[in-house]
PDB file of N, CA and C in Angstrom:
ATOM      1  N   UNK A   1      10.921  29.063  18.915  1.00  0.00           N
ATOM      2  CA  UNK A   1      10.359  28.112  19.857  1.00  0.00           C
ATOM      3  C   UNK A   1       8.901  28.462  20.140  1.00  0.00           C
ATOM      4  N   UNK A   2       8.107  27.446  20.265  1.00  0.00           N
ATOM      5  CA  UNK A   2       6.705  27.654  20.608  1.00  0.00           C
ATOM      6  C   UNK A   2       6.597  27.926  22.110  1.00  0.00           C
ATOM      7  N   UNK A   3       5.410  28.295  22.555  1.00  0.00           N
ATOM      8  CA  UNK A   3       5.216  28.564  23.980  1.00  0.00           C
ATOM      9  C   UNK A   3       5.462  27.301  24.790  1.00  0.00           C
ATOM     10  N   UNK A   4       5.075  26.125  24.273  1.00  0.00           N
ATOM     11  CA  UNK A   4       5.286  24.866  24.993  1.00  0.00           C
ATOM     12  C   UNK A   4       6.777  24.547  25.110  1.00  0.00           C
ATOM     13  N   UNK A   5       7.525  24.794  24.062  1.00  0.00           N
ATOM     14  CA  UNK A   5       8.964  24.553  24.097  1.00  0.00           C
ATOM     15  C   UNK A   5       9.659  25.536  25.038  1.00  0.00           C
ATOM     16  N   UNK A   6       9.239  26.783  25.033  1.00  0.00           N
ATOM     17  CA  UNK A   6       9.817  27.772  25.961  1.00  0.00           C
ATOM     18  C   UNK A   6       9.503  27.410  27.405  1.00  0.00           C
ATOM     19  N   UNK A   7       8.280  26.941  27.652  1.00  0.00           N
ATOM     20  CA  UNK A   7       7.896  26.519  29.000  1.00  0.00           C
ATOM     21  C   UNK A   7       8.756  25.344  29.452  1.00  0.00           C
ATOM     22  N   UNK A   8       8.937  24.360  28.583  1.00  0.00           N
ATOM     23  CA  UNK A   8       9.780  23.212  28.919  1.00  0.00           C
ATOM     24  C   UNK A   8      11.209  23.655  29.203  1.00  0.00           C
ATOM     25  N   UNK A   9      11.695  24.614  28.448  1.00  0.00           N
ATOM     26  CA  UNK A   9      13.060  25.114  28.638  1.00  0.00           C
ATOM     27  C   UNK A   9      13.241  25.740  30.014  1.00  0.00           C
ATOM     28  N   UNK A  10      12.198  26.402  30.515  1.00  0.00           N
ATOM     29  CA  UNK A  10      12.302  27.032  31.829  1.00  0.00           C
ATOM     30  C   UNK A  10      12.113  26.031  32.970  1.00  0.00           C
ATOM     31  N   UNK A  11      11.424  24.921  32.723  1.00  0.00           N
ATOM     32  CA  UNK A  11      11.102  23.978  33.791  1.00  0.00           C
ATOM     33  C   UNK A  11      12.096  22.835  33.956  1.00  0.00           C
ATOM     34  N   UNK A  12      12.845  22.491  32.914  1.00  0.00           N
ATOM     35  CA  UNK A  12      13.718  21.314  32.985  1.00  0.00           C
ATOM     36  C   UNK A  12      15.178  21.699  32.760  1.00  0.00           C
ATOM     37  N   UNK A  13      16.055  20.777  33.102  1.00  0.00           N
ATOM     38  CA  UNK A  13      17.489  21.030  32.923  1.00  0.00           C
ATOM     39  C   UNK A  13      17.850  20.994  31.436  1.00  0.00           C
ATOM     40  N   UNK A  14      19.026  21.510  31.124  1.00  0.00           N
ATOM     41  CA  UNK A  14      19.489  21.527  29.736  1.00  0.00           C
ATOM     42  C   UNK A  14      19.667  20.113  29.185  1.00  0.00           C
ATOM     43  N   UNK A  15      20.137  19.197  30.025  1.00  0.00           N
ATOM     44  CA  UNK A  15      20.329  17.808  29.587  1.00  0.00           C
ATOM     45  C   UNK A  15      18.985  17.162  29.248  1.00  0.00           C
ATOM     46  N   UNK A  16      17.974  17.401  30.090  1.00  0.00           N
ATOM     47  CA  UNK A  16      16.666  16.810  29.844  1.00  0.00           C
ATOM     48  C   UNK A  16      15.998  17.451  28.623  1.00  0.00           C
ATOM     49  N   UNK A  17      16.221  18.744  28.444  1.00  0.00           N
ATOM     50  CA  UNK A  17      15.681  19.436  27.280  1.00  0.00           C
ATOM     51  C   UNK A  17      16.298  18.884  25.990  1.00  0.00           C
ATOM     52  N   UNK A  18      17.583  18.555  26.035  1.00  0.00           N
ATOM     53  CA  UNK A  18      18.243  17.965  24.862  1.00  0.00           C
ATOM     54  C   UNK A  18      17.633  16.603  24.531  1.00  0.00           C
ATOM     55  N   UNK A  19      17.319  15.801  25.561  1.00  0.00           N
ATOM     56  CA  UNK A  19      16.659  14.505  25.329  1.00  0.00           C
ATOM     57  C   UNK A  19      15.265  14.708  24.741  1.00  0.00           C
ATOM     58  N   UNK A  20      14.545  15.679  25.280  1.00  0.00           N
ATOM     59  CA  UNK A  20      13.201  15.989  24.800  1.00  0.00           C
ATOM     60  C   UNK A  20      13.233  16.417  23.336  1.00  0.00           C
ATOM     61  N   UNK A  21      14.178  17.266  22.984  1.00  0.00           N
ATOM     62  CA  UNK A  21      14.291  17.711  21.599  1.00  0.00           C
ATOM     63  C   UNK A  21      14.677  16.560  20.673  1.00  0.00           C
ATOM     64  N   UNK A  22      15.621  15.722  21.094  1.00  0.00           N
ATOM     65  CA  UNK A  22      16.047  14.589  20.268  1.00  0.00           C
ATOM     66  C   UNK A  22      14.894  13.623  20.016  1.00  0.00           C
ATOM     67  N   UNK A  23      14.099  13.348  21.039  1.00  0.00           N
ATOM     68  CA  UNK A  23      12.955  12.443  20.893  1.00  0.00           C
ATOM     69  C   UNK A  23      11.897  13.065  19.972  1.00  0.00           C
ATOM     70  N   UNK A  24      11.636  14.357  20.136  1.00  0.00           N
ATOM     71  CA  UNK A  24      10.616  15.031  19.332  1.00  0.00           C
ATOM     72  C   UNK A  24      11.037  15.105  17.867  1.00  0.00           C
ATOM     73  N   UNK A  25      12.329  15.251  17.602  1.00  0.00           N
ATOM     74  CA  UNK A  25      12.808  15.330  16.213  1.00  0.00           C
ATOM     75  C   UNK A  25      12.610  14.020  15.454  1.00  0.00           C
ATOM     76  N   UNK A  26      12.314  12.927  16.145  1.00  0.00           N
ATOM     77  CA  UNK A  26      12.020  11.661  15.474  1.00  0.00           C
ATOM     78  C   UNK A  26      10.607  11.631  14.894  1.00  0.00           C
ATOM     79  N   UNK A  27       9.776  12.596  15.261  1.00  0.00           N
ATOM     80  CA  UNK A  27       8.384  12.636  14.839  1.00  0.00           C
ATOM     81  C   UNK A  27       8.199  13.565  13.647  1.00  0.00           C
ATOM     82  N   UNK A  28       7.343  13.154  12.721  1.00  0.00           N
ATOM     83  CA  UNK A  28       7.038  13.956  11.533  1.00  0.00           C
ATOM     84  C   UNK A  28       5.556  14.307  11.506  1.00  0.00           C
ATOM     85  N   UNK A  29       5.268  15.421  10.873  1.00  0.00           N
ATOM     86  CA  UNK A  29       3.892  15.867  10.639  1.00  0.00           C
ATOM     87  C   UNK A  29       3.698  15.900   9.130  1.00  0.00           C
ATOM     88  N   UNK A  30       2.662  15.209   8.656  1.00  0.00           N
ATOM     89  CA  UNK A  30       2.414  15.114   7.220  1.00  0.00           C
ATOM     90  C   UNK A  30       1.005  15.585   6.902  1.00  0.00           C
ATOM     91  N   UNK A  31       0.889  16.459   5.916  1.00  0.00           N
ATOM     92  CA  UNK A  31      -0.415  16.914   5.436  1.00  0.00           C
ATOM     93  C   UNK A  31      -1.056  15.755   4.676  1.00  0.00           C
ATOM     94  N   UNK A  32      -2.287  15.417   5.025  1.00  0.00           N
ATOM     95  CA  UNK A  32      -2.963  14.298   4.359  1.00  0.00           C
ATOM     96  C   UNK A  32      -3.442  14.666   2.959  1.00  0.00           C
ATOM     97  N   UNK A  33      -3.425  15.951   2.614  1.00  0.00           N
ATOM     98  CA  UNK A  33      -3.860  16.384   1.290  1.00  0.00           C
ATOM     99  C   UNK A  33      -2.690  16.495   0.313  1.00  0.00           C
ATOM    100  N   UNK A  34      -1.673  17.270   0.669  1.00  0.00           N
ATOM    101  CA  UNK A  34      -0.571  17.512  -0.266  1.00  0.00           C
ATOM    102  C   UNK A  34       0.639  16.606  -0.025  1.00  0.00           C
ATOM    103  N   UNK A  35       0.708  15.958   1.142  1.00  0.00           N
ATOM    104  CA  UNK A  35       1.815  15.054   1.430  1.00  0.00           C
ATOM    105  C   UNK A  35       3.064  15.732   1.961  1.00  0.00           C
ATOM    106  N   UNK A  36       3.030  17.035   2.193  1.00  0.00           N
ATOM    107  CA  UNK A  36       4.185  17.751   2.726  1.00  0.00           C
ATOM    108  C   UNK A  36       4.514  17.236   4.115  1.00  0.00           C
ATOM    109  N   UNK A  37       5.809  16.981   4.389  1.00  0.00           N
ATOM    110  CA  UNK A  37       6.249  16.505   5.690  1.00  0.00           C
ATOM    111  C   UNK A  37       7.181  17.522   6.329  1.00  0.00           C
ATOM    112  N   UNK A  38       7.033  17.692   7.617  1.00  0.00           N
ATOM    113  CA  UNK A  38       7.907  18.562   8.396  1.00  0.00           C
ATOM    114  C   UNK A  38       8.223  17.877   9.713  1.00  0.00           C
ATOM    115  N   UNK A  39       9.279  18.333  10.349  1.00  0.00           N
ATOM    116  CA  UNK A  39       9.685  17.834  11.642  1.00  0.00           C
ATOM    117  C   UNK A  39       8.799  18.455  12.716  1.00  0.00           C
ATOM    118  N   UNK A  40       8.339  17.653  13.676  1.00  0.00           N
ATOM    119  CA  UNK A  40       7.435  18.150  14.717  1.00  0.00           C
ATOM    120  C   UNK A  40       8.096  19.228  15.579  1.00  0.00           C
ATOM    121  N   UNK A  41       9.366  19.067  15.923  1.00  0.00           N
ATOM    122  CA  UNK A  41      10.050  20.072  16.746  1.00  0.00           C
ATOM    123  C   UNK A  41      10.105  21.414  16.021  1.00  0.00           C
ATOM    124  N   UNK A  42      10.408  21.375  14.733  1.00  0.00           N
ATOM    125  CA  UNK A  42      10.497  22.615  13.958  1.00  0.00           C
ATOM    126  C   UNK A  42       9.152  23.323  13.852  1.00  0.00           C
ATOM    127  N   UNK A  43       8.070  22.566  13.970  1.00  0.00           N
ATOM    128  CA  UNK A  43       6.734  23.167  13.927  1.00  0.00           C
ATOM    129  C   UNK A  43       6.258  23.625  15.308  1.00  0.00           C
ATOM    130  N   UNK A  44       7.079  23.392  16.338  1.00  0.00           N
ATOM    131  CA  UNK A  44       6.739  23.866  17.677  1.00  0.00           C
ATOM    132  C   UNK A  44       6.124  22.823  18.582  1.00  0.00           C
ATOM    133  N   UNK A  45       6.101  21.566  18.160  1.00  0.00           N
ATOM    134  CA  UNK A  45       5.490  20.516  18.964  1.00  0.00           C
ATOM    135  C   UNK A  45       6.468  19.855  19.914  1.00  0.00           C
ATOM    136  N   UNK A  46       5.908  19.051  20.828  1.00  0.00           N
ATOM    137  CA  UNK A  46       6.698  18.268  21.770  1.00  0.00           C
ATOM    138  C   UNK A  46       6.051  16.891  21.891  1.00  0.00           C
ATOM    139  N   UNK A  47       6.864  15.855  21.782  1.00  0.00           N
ATOM    140  CA  UNK A  47       6.423  14.482  22.069  1.00  0.00           C
ATOM    141  C   UNK A  47       7.576  13.796  22.761  1.00  0.00           C
ATOM    142  N   UNK A  48       7.291  13.129  23.879  1.00  0.00           N
ATOM    143  CA  UNK A  48       8.319  12.419  24.615  1.00  0.00           C
ATOM    144  C   UNK A  48       7.725  11.125  25.136  1.00  0.00           C
ATOM    145  N   UNK A  49       8.392  10.034  24.856  1.00  0.00           N
ATOM    146  CA  UNK A  49       7.954   8.691  25.255  1.00  0.00           C
ATOM    147  C   UNK A  49       6.546   8.397  24.736  1.00  0.00           C
ATOM    148  N   UNK A  50       6.257   8.866  23.544  1.00  0.00           N
ATOM    149  CA  UNK A  50       4.957   8.645  22.913  1.00  0.00           C
ATOM    150  C   UNK A  50       5.083   7.512  21.897  1.00  0.00           C
ATOM    151  N   UNK A  51       3.960   6.987  21.456  1.00  0.00           N
ATOM    152  CA  UNK A  51       3.963   5.935  20.452  1.00  0.00           C
ATOM    153  C   UNK A  51       2.688   6.036  19.635  1.00  0.00           C
ATOM    154  N   UNK A  52       2.689   5.368  18.491  1.00  0.00           N
ATOM    155  CA  UNK A  52       1.505   5.334  17.651  1.00  0.00           C
ATOM    156  C   UNK A  52       1.420   6.515  16.704  1.00  0.00           C
ATOM    157  N   UNK A  53       0.435   6.445  15.851  1.00  0.00           N
ATOM    158  CA  UNK A  53       0.172   7.498  14.879  1.00  0.00           C
ATOM    159  C   UNK A  53      -1.097   8.218  15.300  1.00  0.00           C
ATOM    160  N   UNK A  54      -1.080   9.541  15.213  1.00  0.00           N
ATOM    161  CA  UNK A  54      -2.277  10.300  15.546  1.00  0.00           C
ATOM    162  C   UNK A  54      -2.621  11.232  14.391  1.00  0.00           C
ATOM    163  N   UNK A  55      -3.858  11.646  14.369  1.00  0.00           N
ATOM    164  CA  UNK A  55      -4.350  12.575  13.354  1.00  0.00           C
ATOM    165  C   UNK A  55      -4.945  13.779  14.056  1.00  0.00           C
ATOM    166  N   UNK A  56      -4.743  14.938  13.470  1.00  0.00           N
ATOM    167  CA  UNK A  56      -5.291  16.168  14.010  1.00  0.00           C
ATOM    168  C   UNK A  56      -5.590  17.118  12.856  1.00  0.00           C
ATOM    169  N   UNK A  57      -6.233  18.209  13.155  1.00  0.00           N
ATOM    170  CA  UNK A  57      -6.490  19.240  12.150  1.00  0.00           C
ATOM    171  C   UNK A  57      -5.628  20.439  12.504  1.00  0.00           C
ATOM    172  N   UNK A  58      -4.937  20.952  11.525  1.00  0.00           N
ATOM    173  CA  UNK A  58      -4.078  22.109  11.749  1.00  0.00           C
ATOM    174  C   UNK A  58      -3.723  22.753  10.427  1.00  0.00           C
ATOM    175  N   UNK A  59      -2.980  23.820  10.503  1.00  0.00           N
ATOM    176  CA  UNK A  59      -2.584  24.552   9.312  1.00  0.00           C
ATOM    177  C   UNK A  59      -1.379  23.864   8.678  1.00  0.00           C
ATOM    178  N   UNK A  60      -1.529  23.443   7.441  1.00  0.00           N
ATOM    179  CA  UNK A  60      -0.422  22.822   6.706  1.00  0.00           C
ATOM    180  C   UNK A  60       0.623  23.900   6.430  1.00  0.00           C
ATOM    181  N   UNK A  61       1.912  23.629   6.731  1.00  0.00           N
ATOM    182  CA  UNK A  61       2.934  24.643   6.486  1.00  0.00           C
ATOM    183  C   UNK A  61       3.141  24.945   5.004  1.00  0.00           C
ATOM    184  N   UNK A  62       2.732  24.035   4.129  1.00  0.00           N
ATOM    185  CA  UNK A  62       2.899  24.241   2.690  1.00  0.00           C
ATOM    186  C   UNK A  62       1.640  24.841   2.063  1.00  0.00           C
ATOM    187  N   UNK A  63       0.484  24.225   2.314  1.00  0.00           N
ATOM    188  CA  UNK A  63      -0.794  24.693   1.750  1.00  0.00           C
ATOM    189  C   UNK A  63      -1.250  26.016   2.367  1.00  0.00           C
ATOM    190  N   UNK A  64      -0.888  26.256   3.630  1.00  0.00           N
ATOM    191  CA  UNK A  64      -1.349  27.413   4.400  1.00  0.00           C
ATOM    192  C   UNK A  64      -2.864  27.398   4.591  1.00  0.00           C
ATOM    193  N   UNK A  65      -3.433  26.187   4.628  1.00  0.00           N
ATOM    194  CA  UNK A  65      -4.865  26.003   4.825  1.00  0.00           C
ATOM    195  C   UNK A  65      -5.039  24.940   5.908  1.00  0.00           C
ATOM    196  N   UNK A  66      -6.138  25.023   6.673  1.00  0.00           N
ATOM    197  CA  UNK A  66      -6.405  23.997   7.685  1.00  0.00           C
ATOM    198  C   UNK A  66      -6.700  22.674   6.986  1.00  0.00           C
ATOM    199  N   UNK A  67      -5.927  21.669   7.335  1.00  0.00           N
ATOM    200  CA  UNK A  67      -6.039  20.345   6.717  1.00  0.00           C
ATOM    201  C   UNK A  67      -5.910  19.274   7.790  1.00  0.00           C
ATOM    202  N   UNK A  68      -6.160  18.038   7.400  1.00  0.00           N
ATOM    203  CA  UNK A  68      -5.886  16.908   8.264  1.00  0.00           C
ATOM    204  C   UNK A  68      -4.377  16.662   8.286  1.00  0.00           C
ATOM    205  N   UNK A  69      -3.824  16.460   9.471  1.00  0.00           N
ATOM    206  CA  UNK A  69      -2.401  16.216   9.618  1.00  0.00           C
ATOM    207  C   UNK A  69      -2.178  14.878  10.317  1.00  0.00           C
ATOM    208  N   UNK A  70      -1.233  14.110   9.815  1.00  0.00           N
ATOM    209  CA  UNK A  70      -0.867  12.836  10.431  1.00  0.00           C
ATOM    210  C   UNK A  70       0.443  13.058  11.172  1.00  0.00           C
ATOM    211  N   UNK A  71       0.497  12.655  12.440  1.00  0.00           N
ATOM    212  CA  UNK A  71       1.712  12.759  13.242  1.00  0.00           C
ATOM    213  C   UNK A  71       2.209  11.343  13.480  1.00  0.00           C
ATOM    214  N   UNK A  72       3.423  11.069  13.045  1.00  0.00           N
ATOM    215  CA  UNK A  72       3.939   9.703  13.136  1.00  0.00           C
ATOM    216  C   UNK A  72       5.433   9.732  13.418  1.00  0.00           C
ATOM    217  N   UNK A  73       5.911   8.649  13.985  1.00  0.00           N
ATOM    218  CA  UNK A  73       7.325   8.558  14.358  1.00  0.00           C
ATOM    219  C   UNK A  73       8.102   8.066  13.141  1.00  0.00           C
ATOM    220  N   UNK A  74       8.883   8.961  12.562  1.00  0.00           N
ATOM    221  CA  UNK A  74       9.603   8.633  11.336  1.00  0.00           C
ATOM    222  C   UNK A  74      10.979   8.055  11.612  1.00  0.00           C
ATOM    223  N   UNK A  75      11.500   8.222  12.805  1.00  0.00           N
ATOM    224  CA  UNK A  75      12.858   7.793  13.106  1.00  0.00           C
ATOM    225  C   UNK A  75      12.969   6.387  13.637  1.00  0.00           C
ATOM    226  N   UNK A  76      11.923   5.587  13.567  1.00  0.00           N
ATOM    227  CA  UNK A  76      11.999   4.230  14.127  1.00  0.00           C
ATOM    228  C   UNK A  76      12.074   3.182  13.054  1.00  0.00           C
TER     229      UNK A  76
END
């Protein structure tokens, strides 16, 4: 768990944490260079009641290099 996920775990009830995790697992992170996709929760992120596609710079879990990353809701 990332620091944000651990913080959420200490601040909210188990039922609410389960909802937060389920919602976050609908989101994917994709490297714009190699196309590798991962689940946002597994990468340590949190998204709840969010919408739209966003772009950020971060370390690709496959390339191991800082790349452009697309965050999008894959479960909808």
